[in-house]
């Protein structure tokens, strides 16, 4: 999974507006503030809360 560095500077979590971290192994963008993981499909981040999965407890 390779995302543009420019794209990563403008993406924010749609739920809490925090910049997500990249999890290359899982192919996701992780928001540490609200605990959501957003999938990246075919190189395109799916930044839709309904598509995210909850991470952690």
C-alpha atoms as a PDB file:
ATOM      1  CA  UNK A   1       0.000   0.000   0.000  1.00  0.00           C
ATOM      2  CA  UNK A   2       1.499   3.287  -1.086  1.00  0.00           C
ATOM      3  CA  UNK A   3      -0.282   6.555  -0.457  1.00  0.00           C
ATOM      4  CA  UNK A   4       0.834   9.932  -1.665  1.00  0.00           C
ATOM      5  CA  UNK A   5       2.650  11.948   1.033  1.00  0.00           C
ATOM      6  CA  UNK A   6       0.617  14.982  -0.032  1.00  0.00           C
ATOM      7  CA  UNK A   7      -2.632  13.061   0.404  1.00  0.00           C
ATOM      8  CA  UNK A   8      -1.571  11.994   3.897  1.00  0.00           C
ATOM      9  CA  UNK A   9      -1.056  15.631   4.903  1.00  0.00           C
ATOM     10  CA  UNK A  10      -4.651  16.567   4.080  1.00  0.00           C
ATOM     11  CA  UNK A  11      -6.582  13.475   5.223  1.00  0.00           C
ATOM     12  CA  UNK A  12      -8.356  13.652   8.572  1.00  0.00           C
ATOM     13  CA  UNK A  13     -10.729  11.320  10.374  1.00  0.00           C
ATOM     14  CA  UNK A  14     -14.293  12.325   9.435  1.00  0.00           C
ATOM     15  CA  UNK A  15     -15.456  11.603  12.992  1.00  0.00           C
ATOM     16  CA  UNK A  16     -12.988  13.613  15.084  1.00  0.00           C
ATOM     17  CA  UNK A  17     -10.824  15.540  12.570  1.00  0.00           C
ATOM     18  CA  UNK A  18      -7.517  14.017  13.750  1.00  0.00           C
ATOM     19  CA  UNK A  19      -4.870  12.989  11.198  1.00  0.00           C
ATOM     20  CA  UNK A  20      -4.750   9.173  10.970  1.00  0.00           C
ATOM     21  CA  UNK A  21      -1.626   7.026  11.074  1.00  0.00           C
ATOM     22  CA  UNK A  22      -0.790   4.572   8.309  1.00  0.00           C
ATOM     23  CA  UNK A  23      -0.802   0.851   9.090  1.00  0.00           C
ATOM     24  CA  UNK A  24       0.968  -0.618   6.058  1.00  0.00           C
ATOM     25  CA  UNK A  25       0.614  -4.232   7.226  1.00  0.00           C
ATOM     26  CA  UNK A  26      -3.172  -4.043   7.673  1.00  0.00           C
ATOM     27  CA  UNK A  27      -3.739  -1.697   4.724  1.00  0.00           C
ATOM     28  CA  UNK A  28      -5.598   0.803   6.902  1.00  0.00           C
ATOM     29  CA  UNK A  29      -5.495   4.312   8.257  1.00  0.00           C
ATOM     30  CA  UNK A  30      -5.775   4.339  12.054  1.00  0.00           C
ATOM     31  CA  UNK A  31      -7.265   7.156  14.093  1.00  0.00           C
ATOM     32  CA  UNK A  32      -5.797   7.056  17.594  1.00  0.00           C
ATOM     33  CA  UNK A  33      -8.256   9.641  18.915  1.00  0.00           C
ATOM     34  CA  UNK A  34     -11.523   7.808  18.239  1.00  0.00           C
ATOM     35  CA  UNK A  35     -10.208   4.272  17.693  1.00  0.00           C
ATOM     36  CA  UNK A  36     -11.388   3.725  14.128  1.00  0.00           C
ATOM     37  CA  UNK A  37      -9.499   1.995  11.319  1.00  0.00           C
ATOM     38  CA  UNK A  38     -10.357   3.098   7.795  1.00  0.00           C
ATOM     39  CA  UNK A  39      -9.662   0.666   4.934  1.00  0.00           C
ATOM     40  CA  UNK A  40      -7.564   1.477   1.894  1.00  0.00           C
ATOM     41  CA  UNK A  41      -8.977  -0.232  -1.193  1.00  0.00           C
ATOM     42  CA  UNK A  42      -7.002  -0.307  -4.428  1.00  0.00           C
ATOM     43  CA  UNK A  43      -4.852   2.551  -3.127  1.00  0.00           C
ATOM     44  CA  UNK A  44      -7.851   4.734  -2.232  1.00  0.00           C
ATOM     45  CA  UNK A  45      -8.549   5.558   1.437  1.00  0.00           C
ATOM     46  CA  UNK A  46     -12.205   4.956   2.314  1.00  0.00           C
ATOM     47  CA  UNK A  47     -12.712   7.719   4.875  1.00  0.00           C
ATOM     48  CA  UNK A  48     -16.345   6.900   5.672  1.00  0.00           C
ATOM     49  CA  UNK A  49     -17.245   6.170   9.294  1.00  0.00           C
ATOM     50  CA  UNK A  50     -19.732   3.476   8.250  1.00  0.00           C
ATOM     51  CA  UNK A  51     -16.907   1.592   6.506  1.00  0.00           C
ATOM     52  CA  UNK A  52     -14.475   1.832   9.448  1.00  0.00           C
ATOM     53  CA  UNK A  53     -13.916  -0.827  12.074  1.00  0.00           C
ATOM     54  CA  UNK A  54     -13.441  -0.226  15.788  1.00  0.00           C
ATOM     55  CA  UNK A  55      -9.892  -0.881  17.053  1.00  0.00           C
ATOM     56  CA  UNK A  56      -9.053  -1.968  20.590  1.00  0.00           C
ATOM     57  CA  UNK A  57     -11.298  -2.520  23.603  1.00  0.00           C
END
